[in-house]
Amino acid sequence: MSTATVTIDGRRIEVTAEQTILDVARKAGLDIPTLCYLEKCGPLNTCQVCLVKLNGKLVPSCGTIAEPGMTIESETEEVYEARRTALELLFSDHVGDCLAPCQRLCPLGLNIPGLLRQVQSQDTPGAIQTVRATLPLAGVLGVLCHHPCEQGCRRGHWDGPATIRDIERHVAELEDDQMFAGIQKECEPGRPSLAIIGAGPSGLAAAFYLARAGTAVTVFDRNKEPGGTLRMEQLPAGILAREISILQRLGVKIETGIELGSGVSLTDLLAKFGAVLVAIGDPVGQTALGLPLSSGRIQVDPHTHLTPLKNVFATGAAVRSTRQLVRVMAEAKAAADCLRDHLKGIAPKALQRPFSSVMGRLSPLELKHFISVNNAAAATTPCNRCASTGKSDPAGHGHPTPALQTLFTPLQATTEASRCLHCDCASSGNCILQHYAQLYNADANRFRSERRPFECQVMPGGIIFEPGKCILCGICVKITELAAEPLGLTFIGRGFDVKLAAPLNQTIEDGLRKCAKECVDNCPTGALSMR
C-alpha cells in the first residue's frame, strides 16, 4: 500500500488512505482531545473538542480525512483556546458535581463519598487504605479536625450532615498489622533523602506524604518527644503515640533533643541531605540561622514554599499562623509536593486542585429526590455517642469535647455511612470531560446561566441515567444501533430541547437490553452509570 505524509505542528507523519487527522495524530502519539469519538462508531462530529487548524480554518479532526501534503496545526494557542471554549460550552448546561461538596471542602482532598461507600459495604481494608493514603495522623484528625467537610454535606439541610470525622476516626482505629502492611513503604536503597526540622503537626504531616512517595525522611526536634503542639491537646490516651509509630513504620526517622542552631545547623544538614524543610512553630530568633524573615515570619515563595536559601523550604506556623489542624496539614502537603519535585530535579510549582463542575445548592424538591433514592435513616449524632460536658469543640460547632467522644460500633458506622447522598459523580477520576477540563483549564461557569433541575433516573435493573450530564455525543445511540437493540436509544426533540431517550416513551433501561455495560463503559461524562 502506498503511503504519504502530512505535517502536524512541523512533524511529518505517515498517512494511509481513509485515515482521519485524528487517526494519524493518535497513532503518532499526539493527544487530540475528543468526547464523541469511539473507533467502532466512526466520526460523530458532535462535541467539537477535537478541533485542529487546516488551511486557515478550524475543523474537527475526527471527521476530516488526512490527505497527503496537508499542513495541520494542533498545539497552538488558537487551537487550545478553541478546544477550551468547546469544553466550556458543554458545561453551560451541565447539571452535576464531579466532586461532592464534602470532598471539595476537605483541605486534604479525602475521597469522602468513596470512603463512606466502603464503610457502608463493610469493606474494611478498602476504607483503611482510603483514609491512610490521604490523611496524616488519621487518628488525631479523627478527634481534632474541625470537619469543614460536614459543612458541605447536603444532608445537613435535611436532617443533619453525615458525621464524617467520626467515621474517619472509626476507620483509623480498625486497622491491624496485616492491613497496615498494604500501605507500608519499603526503604529502597538510593532513595532521595531530606531533613525536616520540627516534629509538630506540620513536620509530621510533611514526613507522612514524603515517606509514602518513597523519600527517605529524617525529622529533628528539640523536644524529648515528637508531636509539638499536639501534646497540648486533649487527646484520648495512646492516639498520638500510635500515629507516630505508624510514621516510623513508613520509614520516617525521628531524632529528638536536637535543636536547630544548637545541636545542628542548616549548613550541616544541607551537607548531608538533598533539601531541608523547616517546620518549626516559632520563627523568633531564626535570623541567626540565616533564615530571612518578613513581618515576623520566615520568608517563602507562597507557591513553592522555597526560602531565599538554596534547597531550604519552610512551612507551618513559622510561615503562616493557622489555627485549624487540617489546614496546617494541607499546607504541609503542598510543601511536601514541592520538595518531592525539587528532589526529582523538577521546578516546584503551585498545587493544582482537581477540576470539578459545581451544581450548587439544591432546591427542596431536588433534595427530597436525593433522599428518596438513598437512605432516609436518621443521623447518629456525636451527642448520642459521648458524655456531654457542655463544652464546645475549638471550632465552635457545638459538638462535645473531642476527647470524650466514644467510637462508633460497626453497626453505627455502617448506618451512618449509608446516609451519604452520593453527590459525587460515579465517573469522577475516570471522566473524559473532567480530564480535559482540567488539562485545558476550562472555566465551567463561563457560559452558564440558570441551571435546569437536577434529575436522576434509577432503573430497577441498576442502570442510572442523569440527563443533566448528557452532552448528546451520540456514542450510546450508535452502540445500540450496531448491537441491533430491539428499541435502542435515540434523540428526541429539536434545538435546545433535544434529549436522549428510548423510543415509544420507554425507559433508558428498556433501550439497553443487550449493550448496557458497553454504553456505560463508553459514556464520556458519567451520564450513564450502574448502581
Protein backbone atom coordinates (compact mmCIF):
# COMPACT_ATOMS: atom_id res chain seq x y z
CA MET A 1 0.00 0.00 0.00
CA SER A 2 1.40 3.37 -0.99
CA THR A 3 1.97 5.88 1.78
CA ALA A 4 2.36 9.60 2.00
CA THR A 5 2.82 12.15 4.78
CA VAL A 6 1.04 15.02 6.46
CA THR A 7 2.64 17.63 8.69
CA ILE A 8 1.26 18.24 12.19
CA ASP A 9 2.93 21.04 14.14
CA GLY A 10 6.03 20.75 11.97
CA ARG A 11 6.26 16.99 12.37
CA ARG A 12 5.98 14.82 9.25
CA ILE A 13 3.76 11.79 9.86
CA GLU A 14 3.00 8.90 7.56
CA VAL A 15 -0.61 8.59 6.45
CA THR A 16 -2.55 5.87 4.62
CA ALA A 17 -5.79 6.07 2.66
CA GLU A 18 -9.02 6.92 4.52
CA GLN A 19 -7.29 7.82 7.77
CA THR A 20 -8.68 10.83 9.59
CA ILE A 21 -6.47 13.53 11.08
CA LEU A 22 -7.38 12.14 14.50
CA ASP A 23 -6.26 8.63 13.46
CA VAL A 24 -2.93 9.91 12.20
CA ALA A 25 -2.30 12.05 15.28
CA ARG A 26 -3.14 9.32 17.78
CA LYS A 27 -1.05 6.68 16.04
CA ALA A 28 1.84 9.13 16.23
CA GLY A 29 1.29 9.55 19.98
CA LEU A 30 -0.25 13.04 19.82
CA ASP A 31 -3.11 13.76 22.23
CA ILE A 32 -6.04 15.41 20.48
CA PRO A 33 -9.00 15.50 22.89
CA THR A 34 -12.38 14.13 21.89
CA LEU A 35 -15.54 13.24 23.76
CA CYS A 36 -17.77 11.91 20.97
CA TYR A 37 -15.34 9.54 19.24
CA LEU A 38 -15.29 5.77 19.56
CA GLU A 39 -13.48 3.90 16.79
CA LYS A 40 -16.24 1.35 16.17
CA CYS A 41 -18.82 4.13 15.91
CA GLY A 42 -16.91 6.25 13.44
CA PRO A 43 -16.92 10.08 13.47
CA LEU A 44 -19.98 11.67 15.06
CA ASN A 45 -18.76 15.29 14.97
CA THR A 46 -20.85 16.44 17.92
CA CYS A 47 -18.52 17.65 20.70
CA GLN A 48 -16.19 19.87 18.62
CA VAL A 49 -13.41 19.38 21.17
CA CYS A 50 -11.06 17.73 18.67
CA LEU A 51 -10.57 20.86 16.57
CA VAL A 52 -7.37 21.44 14.61
CA LYS A 53 -6.45 24.20 12.16
CA LEU A 54 -6.24 23.32 8.47
CA ASN A 55 -5.80 25.86 5.67
CA GLY A 56 -6.71 28.72 8.00
CA LYS A 57 -9.91 27.07 9.26
CA LEU A 58 -10.77 25.13 12.40
CA VAL A 59 -12.06 21.65 11.54
CA PRO A 60 -12.98 18.55 13.60
CA SER A 61 -10.08 16.13 13.35
CA CYS A 62 -12.29 13.06 13.93
CA GLY A 63 -14.27 13.66 10.74
CA THR A 64 -11.65 15.15 8.43
CA ILE A 65 -9.75 12.78 6.12
CA ALA A 66 -5.98 13.27 6.22
CA GLU A 67 -4.79 13.88 2.67
CA PRO A 68 -1.12 13.77 1.65
CA GLY A 69 0.60 17.14 1.87
CA MET A 70 -1.72 18.63 4.49
CA THR A 71 -0.19 21.05 6.98
CA ILE A 72 -2.10 20.88 10.27
CA GLU A 73 -1.83 22.92 13.46
CA SER A 74 -2.79 21.19 16.69
CA GLU A 75 -0.80 22.57 19.61
CA THR A 76 -1.14 26.32 19.08
CA GLU A 77 -2.65 28.95 21.34
CA GLU A 78 -5.54 29.49 18.92
CA VAL A 79 -6.43 25.78 18.80
CA TYR A 80 -6.00 25.49 22.56
CA GLU A 81 -8.49 28.33 23.11
CA ALA A 82 -10.97 26.84 20.63
CA ARG A 83 -10.90 23.50 22.42
CA ARG A 84 -11.27 25.15 25.80
CA THR A 85 -14.26 27.11 24.56
CA ALA A 86 -15.85 23.92 23.23
CA LEU A 87 -15.43 22.33 26.66
CA GLU A 88 -16.86 25.38 28.41
CA LEU A 89 -19.90 25.34 26.13
CA LEU A 90 -20.55 21.74 27.12
CA PHE A 91 -20.58 22.83 30.76
CA SER A 92 -23.09 25.62 30.06
CA ASP A 93 -25.95 23.15 30.54
CA HIS A 94 -24.16 20.58 32.71
CA VAL A 95 -26.02 19.55 35.87
CA GLY A 96 -23.90 17.60 38.31
CA ASP A 97 -20.84 17.69 40.57
CA CYS A 98 -17.58 16.00 39.66
CA LEU A 99 -16.55 16.04 43.32
CA ALA A 100 -19.05 16.03 46.17
CA PRO A 101 -19.19 19.27 48.23
CA CYS A 102 -17.75 17.44 51.24
CA GLN A 103 -14.68 16.36 49.27
CA ARG A 104 -14.18 19.81 47.76
CA LEU A 105 -14.20 21.33 51.25
CA CYS A 106 -11.70 18.85 52.69
CA PRO A 107 -8.33 20.67 52.65
CA LEU A 108 -6.59 17.30 52.22
CA GLY A 109 -8.88 16.13 49.41
CA LEU A 110 -10.07 12.91 51.07
CA ASN A 111 -12.40 10.92 48.82
CA ILE A 112 -15.20 11.06 51.37
CA PRO A 113 -18.05 9.55 49.29
CA GLY A 114 -15.77 6.67 48.32
CA LEU A 115 -14.84 6.14 51.97
CA LEU A 116 -18.49 6.15 53.07
CA ARG A 117 -19.37 3.61 50.38
CA GLN A 118 -16.57 1.36 51.64
CA VAL A 119 -17.74 1.65 55.24
CA GLN A 120 -21.34 1.03 54.22
CA SER A 121 -20.37 -2.14 52.33
CA GLN A 122 -18.10 -3.20 55.23
CA ASP A 123 -15.01 -3.09 53.01
CA THR A 124 -12.72 -2.51 55.97
CA PRO A 125 -9.37 -2.94 54.15
CA GLY A 126 -10.53 -0.57 51.40
CA ALA A 127 -11.72 2.04 53.90
CA ILE A 128 -8.41 1.86 55.80
CA GLN A 129 -6.50 2.26 52.55
CA THR A 130 -8.58 5.32 51.60
CA VAL A 131 -8.04 7.01 54.97
CA ARG A 132 -4.38 6.09 55.42
CA ALA A 133 -3.41 7.01 51.86
CA THR A 134 -4.70 10.57 52.34
CA LEU A 135 -4.72 11.61 55.99
CA PRO A 136 -1.53 12.04 58.03
CA LEU A 137 -2.03 11.24 61.72
CA ALA A 138 -5.51 9.99 60.81
CA GLY A 139 -6.45 9.05 64.36
CA VAL A 140 -5.54 12.55 65.60
CA LEU A 141 -7.53 14.21 62.82
CA GLY A 142 -10.45 11.95 63.69
CA VAL A 143 -10.56 13.76 67.04
CA LEU A 144 -9.28 17.30 66.43
CA CYS A 145 -10.29 18.13 62.84
CA HIS A 146 -12.86 20.95 62.70
CA HIS A 147 -14.58 18.91 59.94
CA PRO A 148 -15.30 21.55 57.25
CA CYS A 149 -16.47 18.63 55.09
CA GLU A 150 -19.59 18.31 57.20
CA GLN A 151 -20.46 21.93 56.47
CA GLY A 152 -20.72 20.95 52.80
CA CYS A 153 -22.84 17.83 53.36
CA ARG A 154 -26.14 18.42 51.57
CA ARG A 155 -27.88 16.20 54.06
CA GLY A 156 -27.29 18.93 56.60
CA HIS A 157 -30.20 20.85 55.05
CA TRP A 158 -32.49 17.88 55.66
CA ASP A 159 -31.82 16.02 58.92
CA GLY A 160 -28.19 16.73 59.77
CA PRO A 161 -24.92 16.04 57.94
CA ALA A 162 -23.18 12.69 57.90
CA THR A 163 -20.73 12.64 60.82
CA ILE A 164 -17.71 12.20 58.58
CA ARG A 165 -14.99 12.99 61.11
CA ASP A 166 -16.22 10.30 63.48
CA ILE A 167 -16.34 7.73 60.68
CA GLU A 168 -12.73 8.61 59.83
CA ARG A 169 -11.73 8.02 63.44
CA HIS A 170 -13.67 4.75 63.47
CA VAL A 171 -11.73 3.55 60.42
CA ALA A 172 -8.39 4.72 61.82
CA GLU A 173 -8.99 2.64 64.95
CA LEU A 174 -9.87 -0.53 63.00
CA GLU A 175 -6.60 -1.41 61.34
CA ASP A 176 -4.29 -4.24 62.31
CA ASP A 177 -0.75 -5.20 61.29
CA GLN A 178 -1.84 -7.21 58.26
CA MET A 179 -3.94 -4.36 56.89
CA PHE A 180 -1.22 -1.80 57.56
CA ALA A 181 1.28 -3.81 55.56
CA GLY A 182 -0.68 -2.93 52.42
CA ILE A 183 0.34 0.74 52.64
CA GLN A 184 3.82 0.33 54.10
CA LYS A 185 6.69 1.78 52.07
CA GLU A 186 9.89 -0.18 51.65
CA CYS A 187 13.17 1.62 52.31
CA GLU A 188 14.69 1.42 48.85
CA PRO A 189 18.47 1.88 48.56
CA GLY A 190 19.47 5.13 46.92
CA ARG A 191 16.20 6.92 47.64
CA PRO A 192 16.42 10.73 47.76
CA SER A 193 16.68 11.95 51.35
CA LEU A 194 15.81 15.15 53.16
CA ALA A 195 15.63 16.59 56.63
CA ILE A 196 12.65 18.13 58.38
CA ILE A 197 13.19 20.48 61.31
CA GLY A 198 10.26 20.22 63.71
CA ALA A 199 8.17 17.22 64.74
CA GLY A 200 4.95 19.12 65.25
CA PRO A 201 1.81 18.79 63.07
CA SER A 202 3.44 20.38 60.01
CA GLY A 203 6.67 18.43 60.15
CA LEU A 204 4.98 15.09 60.80
CA ALA A 205 2.38 15.66 58.08
CA ALA A 206 5.07 16.54 55.52
CA ALA A 207 7.06 13.47 56.60
CA PHE A 208 3.98 11.30 56.00
CA TYR A 209 3.48 12.46 52.41
CA LEU A 210 7.17 12.31 51.55
CA ALA A 211 7.66 8.85 53.03
CA ARG A 212 4.66 7.48 51.16
CA ALA A 213 6.16 8.87 47.96
CA GLY A 214 9.39 6.96 48.55
CA THR A 215 11.54 9.71 50.03
CA ALA A 216 13.88 8.95 52.93
CA VAL A 217 12.96 11.39 55.70
CA THR A 218 14.66 12.27 58.97
CA VAL A 219 12.77 14.56 61.36
CA PHE A 220 14.69 16.53 64.01
CA ASP A 221 13.03 18.11 67.04
CA ARG A 222 14.36 19.98 70.05
CA ASN A 223 11.89 18.36 72.47
CA LYS A 224 12.28 14.98 74.13
CA GLU A 225 9.17 13.62 72.41
CA PRO A 226 7.71 14.33 68.95
CA GLY A 227 4.28 15.86 68.49
CA GLY A 228 4.81 19.57 69.18
CA THR A 229 1.58 21.41 69.97
CA LEU A 230 -0.41 18.19 69.62
CA ARG A 231 0.84 17.22 73.08
CA MET A 232 -1.08 20.21 74.46
CA GLU A 233 -4.38 18.94 73.03
CA GLN A 234 -6.96 16.86 74.88
CA LEU A 235 -6.43 13.58 73.04
CA PRO A 236 -7.54 10.10 74.10
CA ALA A 237 -4.66 8.13 75.58
CA GLY A 238 -2.33 6.45 73.13
CA ILE A 239 -3.62 8.01 69.89
CA LEU A 240 -0.63 10.31 69.26
CA ALA A 241 1.92 7.63 70.14
CA ARG A 242 0.18 5.19 67.82
CA GLU A 243 0.16 7.63 64.91
CA ILE A 244 3.85 8.46 65.37
CA SER A 245 4.60 4.73 65.45
CA ILE A 246 2.82 4.36 62.11
CA LEU A 247 5.03 7.11 60.64
CA GLN A 248 8.11 5.28 61.85
CA ARG A 249 6.88 2.08 60.24
CA LEU A 250 6.56 4.02 57.00
CA GLY A 251 10.31 4.63 57.26
CA VAL A 252 10.38 8.08 58.89
CA LYS A 253 13.33 8.53 61.25
CA ILE A 254 12.73 10.83 64.22
CA GLU A 255 15.61 12.27 66.25
CA THR A 256 14.64 14.27 69.35
CA GLY A 257 16.58 16.55 71.66
CA ILE A 258 18.32 18.25 68.73
CA GLU A 259 17.75 21.99 68.29
CA LEU A 260 18.40 23.85 65.07
CA GLY A 261 21.22 26.29 65.67
CA SER A 262 22.48 24.45 68.73
CA GLY A 263 22.88 20.74 68.09
CA VAL A 264 22.80 21.10 64.31
CA SER A 265 22.98 23.89 61.73
CA LEU A 266 21.41 24.33 58.32
CA THR A 267 24.86 24.05 56.79
CA ASP A 268 25.37 20.68 58.49
CA LEU A 269 22.02 19.39 57.23
CA LEU A 270 22.50 20.64 53.68
CA ALA A 271 25.81 18.84 53.52
CA LYS A 272 24.06 15.56 54.36
CA PHE A 273 20.60 15.88 52.85
CA GLY A 274 19.30 16.88 49.42
CA ALA A 275 16.99 19.51 50.92
CA VAL A 276 15.72 20.79 54.26
CA LEU A 277 12.15 21.62 55.27
CA VAL A 278 11.88 23.98 58.23
CA ALA A 279 8.63 23.27 60.07
CA ILE A 280 9.27 24.95 63.40
CA GLY A 281 6.42 26.57 65.28
CA ASP A 282 8.16 29.78 66.34
CA PRO A 283 10.21 31.90 63.94
CA VAL A 284 11.61 34.15 66.70
CA GLY A 285 15.40 34.14 66.72
CA GLN A 286 15.79 32.25 63.46
CA THR A 287 17.55 35.16 61.75
CA ALA A 288 20.69 33.97 63.46
CA LEU A 289 20.37 30.82 61.40
CA GLY A 290 20.33 32.73 58.14
CA LEU A 291 16.59 32.41 57.55
CA PRO A 292 15.24 35.74 56.26
CA LEU A 293 12.07 36.95 57.96
CA SER A 294 9.20 39.02 56.60
CA SER A 295 6.65 40.52 59.01
CA GLY A 296 7.96 38.23 61.74
CA ARG A 297 7.59 35.07 59.65
CA ILE A 298 10.05 33.00 57.64
CA GLN A 299 10.11 34.39 54.11
CA VAL A 300 8.98 31.89 51.45
CA ASP A 301 7.63 31.84 47.93
CA PRO A 302 3.88 31.31 48.64
CA HIS A 303 3.52 28.94 45.68
CA THR A 304 6.59 26.74 46.16
CA HIS A 305 7.46 27.09 49.89
CA LEU A 306 11.07 27.85 48.90
CA THR A 307 13.03 30.24 51.12
CA PRO A 308 15.68 32.55 49.65
CA LEU A 309 18.25 29.95 50.79
CA LYS A 310 19.08 27.31 48.23
CA ASN A 311 17.48 23.89 48.91
CA VAL A 312 15.68 25.16 52.01
CA PHE A 313 11.89 25.08 52.23
CA ALA A 314 9.58 26.12 55.06
CA THR A 315 6.01 25.55 56.21
CA GLY A 316 3.89 25.67 59.35
CA ALA A 317 3.34 28.35 61.96
CA ALA A 318 6.76 29.87 61.31
CA VAL A 319 5.49 30.79 57.83
CA ARG A 320 1.81 31.40 58.42
CA SER A 321 -0.29 31.12 61.55
CA THR A 322 -3.20 28.73 61.03
CA ARG A 323 -5.39 27.55 63.89
CA GLN A 324 -7.16 24.71 62.09
CA LEU A 325 -5.17 21.49 62.19
CA VAL A 326 -6.37 20.09 58.88
CA ARG A 327 -5.35 23.31 57.08
CA VAL A 328 -1.92 23.20 58.73
CA MET A 329 -1.53 19.70 57.32
CA ALA A 330 -2.76 20.79 53.91
CA GLU A 331 -0.02 23.43 53.81
CA ALA A 332 2.49 20.75 54.80
CA LYS A 333 1.20 18.53 51.98
CA ALA A 334 1.73 21.34 49.47
CA ALA A 335 5.27 21.85 50.78
CA ALA A 336 5.94 18.10 50.55
CA ASP A 337 4.77 18.05 46.93
CA CYS A 338 7.16 20.91 46.10
CA LEU A 339 10.01 19.15 47.90
CA ARG A 340 9.37 15.94 46.01
CA ASP A 341 9.52 17.77 42.68
CA HIS A 342 12.69 19.54 43.79
CA LEU A 343 14.43 16.27 44.63
CA LYS A 344 13.49 14.94 41.18
CA GLY A 345 15.04 17.97 39.52
CA ILE A 346 11.63 19.41 38.59
CA ALA A 347 10.89 23.07 39.29
CA PRO A 348 8.43 23.25 42.22
CA LYS A 349 5.00 24.53 41.23
CA ALA A 350 1.80 25.58 42.93
CA LEU A 351 -0.60 22.78 43.83
CA GLN A 352 -3.46 22.39 41.34
CA ARG A 353 -6.76 21.27 42.80
CA PRO A 354 -8.79 18.64 40.92
CA PHE A 355 -11.31 20.08 38.48
CA SER A 356 -14.95 19.91 39.50
CA SER A 357 -18.14 21.15 37.97
CA VAL A 358 -20.30 22.57 40.77
CA MET A 359 -24.08 22.16 40.75
CA GLY A 360 -24.64 24.44 43.73
CA ARG A 361 -27.40 24.43 46.32
CA LEU A 362 -30.27 22.02 45.74
CA SER A 363 -33.88 23.12 45.85
CA PRO A 364 -36.08 21.42 48.48
CA LEU A 365 -37.64 19.29 45.74
CA GLU A 366 -34.21 18.24 44.41
CA LEU A 367 -33.01 17.42 47.92
CA LYS A 368 -36.13 15.34 48.50
CA HIS A 369 -35.30 13.42 45.34
CA PHE A 370 -31.74 12.78 46.58
CA ILE A 371 -33.14 11.45 49.86
CA SER A 372 -35.68 9.26 48.08
CA VAL A 373 -33.04 7.33 46.13
CA ASN A 374 -30.77 6.93 49.16
CA ASN A 375 -31.18 6.07 52.85
CA ALA A 376 -33.71 8.07 54.87
CA ALA A 377 -32.29 6.86 58.23
CA ALA A 378 -31.89 9.47 60.95
CA ALA A 379 -28.43 10.64 61.96
CA THR A 380 -26.33 9.03 64.65
CA THR A 381 -25.13 12.35 66.04
CA PRO A 382 -21.97 12.88 68.10
CA CYS A 383 -24.13 13.76 71.12
CA ASN A 384 -25.59 10.27 71.06
CA ARG A 385 -22.09 8.83 71.48
CA CYS A 386 -20.45 10.89 74.21
CA ALA A 387 -20.70 12.11 77.74
CA SER A 388 -21.51 15.77 77.23
CA THR A 389 -19.57 18.26 79.30
CA GLY A 390 -21.36 21.29 77.94
CA LYS A 391 -18.14 22.41 76.27
CA SER A 392 -17.95 23.09 72.55
CA ASP A 393 -15.16 22.00 70.27
CA PRO A 394 -12.43 24.54 69.35
CA ALA A 395 -14.09 25.29 66.01
CA GLY A 396 -17.25 26.37 67.77
CA HIS A 397 -19.60 23.89 66.11
CA GLY A 398 -21.28 22.97 69.38
CA HIS A 399 -20.00 19.40 69.36
CA PRO A 400 -18.84 17.90 72.67
CA THR A 401 -15.23 17.92 73.78
CA PRO A 402 -13.48 15.60 71.27
CA ALA A 403 -11.62 13.52 73.83
CA LEU A 404 -14.90 12.42 75.40
CA GLN A 405 -16.36 11.03 72.19
CA THR A 406 -16.79 7.29 72.09
CA LEU A 407 -16.23 5.27 68.95
CA PHE A 408 -18.91 4.01 66.61
CA THR A 409 -19.93 0.40 66.85
CA PRO A 410 -19.62 -1.37 63.47
CA LEU A 411 -23.40 -1.19 63.02
CA GLN A 412 -23.49 2.54 63.84
CA ALA A 413 -20.67 3.23 61.39
CA THR A 414 -22.41 1.28 58.62
CA THR A 415 -25.73 3.02 59.28
CA GLU A 416 -24.20 6.48 59.41
CA ALA A 417 -22.19 5.89 56.23
CA SER A 418 -25.36 4.76 54.46
CA ARG A 419 -26.83 8.26 54.95
CA CYS A 420 -24.44 9.62 52.30
CA LEU A 421 -26.38 11.10 49.36
CA HIS A 422 -23.58 10.25 46.90
CA CYS A 423 -23.38 13.76 45.48
CA ASP A 424 -20.18 12.90 43.63
CA CYS A 425 -20.18 11.69 40.04
CA ALA A 426 -19.81 7.94 39.60
CA SER A 427 -17.23 8.62 36.87
CA SER A 428 -15.15 11.20 38.76
CA GLY A 429 -11.49 10.42 38.17
CA ASN A 430 -12.34 8.44 35.03
CA CYS A 431 -14.49 11.06 33.28
CA ILE A 432 -13.13 12.22 29.92
CA LEU A 433 -14.89 15.59 30.22
CA GLN A 434 -13.38 16.19 33.67
CA HIS A 435 -9.93 15.09 32.45
CA TYR A 436 -9.80 17.50 29.54
CA ALA A 437 -11.43 20.32 31.51
CA GLN A 438 -8.51 20.02 33.94
CA LEU A 439 -5.94 19.78 31.14
CA TYR A 440 -7.31 22.81 29.27
CA ASN A 441 -8.00 24.85 32.40
CA ALA A 442 -11.68 25.18 31.47
CA ASP A 443 -13.99 27.53 33.36
CA ALA A 444 -17.19 25.56 33.92
CA ASN A 445 -19.13 28.76 34.67
CA ARG A 446 -18.06 30.85 31.68
CA PHE A 447 -21.26 30.33 29.68
CA ARG A 448 -23.50 29.01 32.42
CA SER A 449 -26.87 30.61 33.14
CA GLU A 450 -29.65 29.39 35.44
CA ARG A 451 -29.31 25.63 35.55
CA ARG A 452 -32.10 23.19 34.83
CA PRO A 453 -33.37 20.99 37.68
CA PHE A 454 -31.30 18.00 38.69
CA GLU A 455 -32.75 14.68 37.54
CA CYS A 456 -31.64 11.13 38.26
CA GLN A 457 -33.44 8.14 36.78
CA VAL A 458 -32.68 4.99 38.79
CA MET A 459 -33.82 1.89 36.88
CA PRO A 460 -34.86 -1.39 38.58
CA GLY A 461 -32.07 -3.28 36.82
CA GLY A 462 -29.37 -0.99 38.22
CA ILE A 463 -28.83 1.48 35.34
CA ILE A 464 -28.71 5.14 36.38
CA PHE A 465 -29.28 7.93 33.87
CA GLU A 466 -28.61 11.59 34.75
CA PRO A 467 -29.88 13.70 31.82
CA GLY A 468 -28.11 16.82 33.06
CA LYS A 469 -24.71 15.20 32.45
CA CYS A 470 -25.52 14.00 28.92
CA ILE A 471 -23.70 16.01 26.20
CA LEU A 472 -25.64 14.32 23.37
CA CYS A 473 -22.45 12.84 21.97
CA GLY A 474 -24.32 10.00 20.25
CA ILE A 475 -21.98 7.18 21.25
CA CYS A 476 -24.65 5.18 23.10
CA VAL A 477 -27.14 5.75 20.25
CA LYS A 478 -24.65 4.34 17.76
CA ILE A 479 -23.71 1.40 20.02
CA THR A 480 -27.35 0.35 20.35
CA GLU A 481 -27.72 0.59 16.57
CA LEU A 482 -24.67 -1.62 15.99
CA ALA A 483 -25.89 -4.09 18.64
CA ALA A 484 -29.29 -4.32 16.93
CA GLU A 485 -31.12 -3.46 20.13
CA PRO A 486 -34.88 -4.02 19.73
CA LEU A 487 -35.58 -0.48 20.95
CA GLY A 488 -32.20 1.18 21.35
CA LEU A 489 -31.69 4.86 22.14
CA THR A 490 -32.32 7.96 20.08
CA PHE A 491 -32.53 11.74 20.23
CA ILE A 492 -35.96 13.28 20.73
CA GLY A 493 -36.86 16.94 20.19
CA ARG A 494 -35.20 19.84 18.40
CA GLY A 495 -32.78 22.63 19.15
CA PHE A 496 -32.15 23.22 22.84
CA ASP A 497 -34.91 20.75 23.72
CA VAL A 498 -33.13 17.68 22.31
CA LYS A 499 -32.80 14.86 24.80
CA LEU A 500 -31.56 11.28 24.87
CA ALA A 501 -34.30 8.71 25.34
CA ALA A 502 -35.65 5.32 24.28
CA PRO A 503 -38.37 5.36 21.61
CA LEU A 504 -42.08 4.92 22.33
CA ASN A 505 -41.87 6.51 25.80
CA GLN A 506 -39.93 3.55 27.17
CA THR A 507 -37.13 3.81 29.75
CA ILE A 508 -33.43 4.06 29.04
CA GLU A 509 -33.08 0.58 30.53
CA ASP A 510 -35.64 -0.77 28.05
CA GLY A 511 -33.41 0.51 25.26
CA LEU A 512 -30.29 -1.16 26.67
CA ARG A 513 -31.19 -4.83 26.91
CA LYS A 514 -28.08 -6.08 25.08
CA CYS A 515 -25.35 -3.48 25.44
CA ALA A 516 -25.93 -1.63 28.73
CA LYS A 517 -22.41 -2.26 30.08
CA GLU A 518 -20.77 -1.18 26.82
CA CYS A 519 -22.74 2.07 26.81
CA VAL A 520 -21.92 2.75 30.47
CA ASP A 521 -18.22 1.99 29.93
CA ASN A 522 -18.00 4.38 26.96
CA CYS A 523 -20.12 7.27 28.27
CA PRO A 524 -17.67 10.22 28.32
CA THR A 525 -19.37 12.08 31.17
CA GLY A 526 -20.89 9.55 33.56
CA ALA A 527 -24.44 10.35 32.46
CA LEU A 528 -24.93 6.59 32.28
CA SER A 529 -23.70 4.51 35.23
CA MET A 530 -24.52 1.37 37.18
CA ARG A 531 -25.91 1.47 40.70
